Amino acid sequence: MMDLLQDLWNYVQELGIKHNVNPVLFAILYFGTIPPYLGSMIWAIRNFKKGKGIALPVLSTAFFFILPALYVILFGKNMAWWAYAVIAFIVFYGSYSGYSKFKKQVE
């Protein structure tokens, strides 16, 4: 089992080198942005319910949502075209899903 995990880790590191993306940094960005994303979403909902502006919290929510993908887009090299398509799908679907959740919370 340990050999399998070591082989998987080596493969991930090789992909990181090939595509100029640090897998550890990507994982930190991916999981580390969840709390500020949720906090920004709560901030936006509270501001909306209080009648305050929601532009800044919505921009903050969007930023934290796309940060891991933005890292790959800005620093990744030799990426396959379908990787960008997957990133675009995730961003658009996630934005739609976030908007739906926001709308549901407001109502």
Protein backbone atom coordinates (compact mmCIF):
# COMPACT_ATOMS: atom_id res chain seq x y z
CA MET A 1 0.00 0.00 0.00
CA MET A 2 2.82 2.37 0.85
CA ASP A 3 4.46 1.64 -2.49
CA LEU A 4 1.23 2.57 -4.27
CA LEU A 5 1.00 5.86 -2.37
CA GLN A 6 4.68 6.59 -3.05
CA ASP A 7 4.21 5.85 -6.76
CA LEU A 8 1.14 8.09 -6.85
CA TRP A 9 3.03 10.90 -5.10
CA ASN A 10 5.95 10.54 -7.52
CA TYR A 11 3.53 10.69 -10.46
CA VAL A 12 1.87 13.84 -9.09
CA GLN A 13 5.27 15.48 -8.59
CA GLU A 14 6.33 14.59 -12.13
CA LEU A 15 3.12 16.14 -13.48
CA GLY A 16 3.79 19.22 -11.38
CA ILE A 17 7.26 19.59 -12.84
CA LYS A 18 6.02 18.93 -16.38
CA HIS A 19 3.26 21.55 -16.09
CA ASN A 20 5.08 24.02 -13.81
CA VAL A 21 2.43 23.67 -11.07
CA ASN A 22 3.39 22.87 -7.50
CA PRO A 23 0.92 20.21 -6.33
CA VAL A 24 1.36 21.12 -2.66
CA LEU A 25 0.69 24.81 -3.33
CA PHE A 26 -2.32 23.88 -5.45
CA ALA A 27 -3.72 21.71 -2.63
CA ILE A 28 -3.14 24.52 -0.12
CA LEU A 29 -4.93 26.96 -2.40
CA TYR A 30 -7.73 24.49 -3.09
CA PHE A 31 -8.49 23.58 0.50
CA GLY A 32 -7.25 26.79 2.11
CA THR A 33 -9.67 28.98 0.20
CA ILE A 34 -12.75 27.11 1.40
CA PRO A 35 -13.13 29.00 4.73
CA PRO A 36 -12.69 32.49 3.20
CA TYR A 37 -15.01 31.52 0.34
CA LEU A 38 -17.73 30.48 2.77
CA GLY A 39 -17.08 33.54 4.92
CA SER A 40 -17.42 35.82 1.91
CA MET A 41 -20.66 34.11 0.93
CA ILE A 42 -22.06 34.63 4.43
CA TRP A 43 -20.88 38.25 4.34
CA ALA A 44 -22.68 38.81 1.03
CA ILE A 45 -25.91 37.25 2.30
CA ARG A 46 -25.84 39.30 5.51
CA ASN A 47 -25.15 42.51 3.61
CA PHE A 48 -27.99 41.79 1.21
CA LYS A 49 -30.43 41.14 4.03
CA LYS A 50 -29.36 44.37 5.76
CA GLY A 51 -29.73 46.35 2.54
CA LYS A 52 -25.99 47.08 2.30
CA GLY A 53 -23.85 46.78 -0.83
CA ILE A 54 -22.86 43.29 -1.89
CA ALA A 55 -20.33 44.09 -4.60
CA LEU A 56 -17.23 43.63 -2.43
CA PRO A 57 -18.37 40.40 -0.75
CA VAL A 58 -19.44 38.92 -4.10
CA LEU A 59 -16.09 39.83 -5.67
CA SER A 60 -14.32 38.31 -2.67
CA THR A 61 -16.39 35.14 -2.98
CA ALA A 62 -15.60 34.88 -6.69
CA PHE A 63 -11.89 35.48 -6.09
CA PHE A 64 -11.60 32.74 -3.48
CA PHE A 65 -13.60 30.38 -5.68
CA ILE A 66 -11.39 30.77 -8.76
CA LEU A 67 -8.01 31.18 -7.00
CA PRO A 68 -6.81 27.56 -7.47
CA ALA A 69 -7.87 27.58 -11.13
CA LEU A 70 -6.30 31.00 -11.60
CA TYR A 71 -3.02 29.61 -10.26
CA VAL A 72 -3.07 26.82 -12.84
CA ILE A 73 -4.04 29.19 -15.68
CA LEU A 74 -1.38 31.78 -14.83
CA PHE A 75 1.55 29.51 -14.00
CA GLY A 76 0.77 26.22 -15.72
CA LYS A 77 2.65 25.34 -18.89
CA ASN A 78 2.17 22.63 -21.51
CA MET A 79 -1.42 22.10 -20.42
CA ALA A 80 -3.77 20.09 -22.61
CA TRP A 81 -6.67 22.01 -24.14
CA TRP A 82 -9.15 19.87 -22.22
CA ALA A 83 -7.62 20.94 -18.90
CA TYR A 84 -8.63 24.52 -19.67
CA ALA A 85 -12.06 23.27 -20.71
CA VAL A 86 -12.46 21.46 -17.38
CA ILE A 87 -11.35 24.57 -15.49
CA ALA A 88 -13.83 26.70 -17.44
CA PHE A 89 -16.63 24.20 -16.76
CA ILE A 90 -15.82 24.11 -13.04
CA VAL A 91 -15.74 27.90 -12.83
CA PHE A 92 -19.00 28.38 -14.74
CA TYR A 93 -20.85 25.56 -13.00
CA GLY A 94 -19.54 26.64 -9.60
CA SER A 95 -20.57 30.22 -10.28
CA TYR A 96 -24.06 29.09 -11.25
CA SER A 97 -24.27 26.85 -8.20
CA GLY A 98 -23.02 29.63 -5.90
CA TYR A 99 -25.52 32.06 -7.39
CA SER A 100 -28.32 29.55 -6.85
CA LYS A 101 -27.31 29.00 -3.22
CA PHE A 102 -27.05 32.74 -2.67
CA LYS A 103 -30.48 33.31 -4.20
CA LYS A 104 -31.97 30.50 -2.08
CA GLN A 105 -30.45 31.92 1.12
CA VAL A 106 -31.75 35.38 0.35
CA GLU A 107 -35.31 34.13 -0.27
